[in-house]
Protein backbone atom coordinates (compact mmCIF):
# COMPACT_ATOMS: atom_id res chain seq x y z
CA MET A 1 -37.15 22.49 0.88
CA GLY A 2 -33.60 21.77 0.21
CA ASN A 3 -33.04 19.34 3.43
CA ASP A 4 -33.56 15.87 2.42
CA SER A 5 -34.22 14.91 6.16
CA THR A 6 -37.21 17.14 6.37
CA ASP A 7 -38.67 16.74 2.77
CA ILE A 8 -41.06 13.91 3.32
CA ASN A 9 -41.55 13.65 -0.45
CA LYS A 10 -37.65 12.85 -1.16
CA LEU A 11 -37.67 10.33 1.83
CA LEU A 12 -40.25 8.27 0.32
CA GLN A 13 -38.56 8.11 -2.85
CA LYS A 14 -35.24 6.74 -1.29
CA SER A 15 -35.19 3.12 -0.90
CA ALA A 16 -33.04 1.42 1.61
CA PRO A 17 -29.29 1.56 0.40
CA ASN A 18 -27.45 -1.53 -0.96
CA PRO A 19 -24.73 -2.04 1.69
CA ASP A 20 -22.58 -3.05 -0.87
CA PHE A 21 -23.17 0.41 -2.77
CA PRO A 22 -24.31 2.78 -0.56
CA CYS A 23 -23.97 5.71 -2.96
CA ALA A 24 -25.79 4.20 -6.06
CA PRO A 25 -28.33 5.84 -7.93
CA PHE A 26 -31.88 4.98 -6.92
CA GLU A 27 -32.71 3.15 -9.87
CA TRP A 28 -29.37 1.37 -10.41
CA THR A 29 -29.05 -2.39 -9.88
CA ARG A 30 -25.99 -4.57 -9.82
CA ASP A 31 -27.75 -7.11 -12.29
CA GLU A 32 -28.18 -4.29 -14.92
CA ALA A 33 -24.46 -3.24 -14.45
CA LYS A 34 -23.63 -6.98 -15.26
CA ARG A 35 -25.87 -7.05 -18.40
CA ILE A 36 -24.25 -3.82 -19.66
CA ALA A 37 -20.90 -5.07 -19.15
CA SER A 38 -21.85 -8.47 -20.85
CA GLU A 39 -23.09 -6.47 -23.82
CA GLU A 40 -19.76 -4.62 -23.86
CA GLY A 41 -17.60 -7.75 -23.64
CA LEU A 42 -16.68 -7.31 -19.93
CA GLU A 43 -16.70 -9.75 -17.09
CA LEU A 44 -16.98 -7.66 -13.97
CA THR A 45 -14.39 -8.50 -11.32
CA ASP A 46 -14.11 -7.02 -7.65
CA VAL A 47 -11.70 -4.28 -9.10
CA HIS A 48 -14.48 -3.42 -11.60
CA TRP A 49 -16.91 -3.16 -8.73
CA GLU A 50 -14.38 -1.04 -6.92
CA VAL A 51 -14.20 1.45 -9.80
CA ILE A 52 -17.96 1.45 -9.87
CA ARG A 53 -18.26 2.23 -5.94
CA ALA A 54 -15.72 4.99 -6.36
CA MET A 55 -17.56 6.57 -9.44
CA GLN A 56 -20.92 6.51 -7.36
CA HIS A 57 -19.30 7.72 -4.36
CA PHE A 58 -17.66 10.72 -6.31
CA TYR A 59 -21.11 11.68 -8.04
CA ALA A 60 -23.12 11.13 -4.56
CA HIS A 61 -20.80 13.61 -2.61
CA HIS A 62 -20.70 16.25 -5.54
CA GLU A 63 -24.66 15.92 -6.40
CA ASN A 64 -24.86 19.61 -5.52
CA SER A 65 -22.24 20.68 -7.99
CA PRO A 66 -23.63 22.55 -11.22
CA THR A 67 -21.78 20.05 -13.22
CA ILE A 68 -18.97 17.29 -12.75
CA THR A 69 -16.22 18.07 -15.12
CA LEU A 70 -14.06 15.45 -17.02
CA PRO A 71 -10.82 16.68 -15.49
CA GLU A 72 -12.05 16.64 -11.73
CA LEU A 73 -13.35 13.26 -12.31
CA ASN A 74 -10.27 12.05 -13.84
CA ASP A 75 -8.13 13.58 -11.05
CA ALA A 76 -10.32 11.93 -8.23
CA LEU A 77 -9.71 8.15 -10.20
CA GLU A 78 -6.21 9.09 -10.40
CA GLU A 79 -5.78 9.74 -6.75
CA HIS A 80 -8.12 6.82 -5.66
CA PHE A 81 -6.42 4.36 -7.91
CA HIS A 82 -2.82 5.91 -7.81
CA SER A 83 -1.37 2.79 -6.01
CA LYS A 84 -2.31 0.55 -8.82
CA GLY A 85 -1.22 2.72 -11.58
CA GLY A 86 -3.99 5.39 -11.56
CA VAL A 87 -6.01 6.01 -14.70
CA LYS A 88 -3.66 4.20 -17.02
CA TYR A 89 -4.41 1.16 -15.01
CA LEU A 90 -8.15 1.75 -15.45
CA TYR A 91 -7.79 1.66 -19.11
CA THR A 92 -6.72 -2.00 -18.68
CA LEU A 93 -10.01 -2.68 -16.84
CA PHE A 94 -12.30 -0.31 -19.17
CA PRO A 95 -11.01 -0.54 -22.79
CA GLY A 96 -14.24 1.55 -23.76
CA GLY A 97 -12.63 4.34 -21.53
CA PRO A 98 -12.37 4.42 -17.79
CA ILE A 99 -14.90 7.29 -17.28
CA ALA A 100 -17.43 6.56 -20.14
CA GLN A 101 -17.79 2.97 -19.56
CA SER A 102 -17.65 3.05 -15.92
CA SER A 103 -20.23 5.69 -15.72
CA ARG A 104 -22.57 3.58 -17.78
CA LEU A 105 -21.96 0.65 -15.39
CA ALA A 106 -22.20 2.78 -12.46
CA GLY A 107 -25.77 4.07 -13.70
CA LEU A 108 -24.26 7.65 -14.11
CA LYS A 109 -24.14 10.30 -16.90
CA ALA A 110 -20.47 10.68 -17.93
CA PRO A 111 -19.25 14.14 -17.85
CA SER A 112 -19.03 16.24 -21.24
CA GLY A 113 -16.09 14.91 -23.38
CA ALA A 114 -16.04 11.59 -21.92
CA THR A 115 -17.17 9.89 -24.93
CA VAL A 116 -14.75 11.59 -27.36
CA PRO A 117 -12.73 8.97 -29.03
CA GLY A 118 -9.64 10.85 -28.37
CA PHE A 119 -9.89 10.37 -24.67
CA GLY A 120 -9.90 6.42 -25.36
CA SER A 121 -13.40 5.72 -25.43
CA VAL A 122 -15.42 3.73 -27.95
CA ALA A 123 -18.78 4.90 -26.45
């Protein structure tokens, strides 16, 4: 059964979505993201939460893709945050690498290669 609306098991597993984070993974919580951020020396601002929402939205809308690649996620973030400076701007928010670090905070698995130090990640 591939259709979520008719698979009762999938319906039972889903909780009511957080209205502030409608695309968040089932097990993700805002408090957990704050804890991780604190451990990594970050204090989350509204802009950080915007990036987390954007990451969760991207993953939710690509959940049927066989893999999410680093270039496609990078391009999506670049486009979404273009008016603020794109991915270069995101490095000011996430010094551990905008994709690697924001993935952890969003409760998502970073794409392969996102934790390579050459891409600005310290993960």
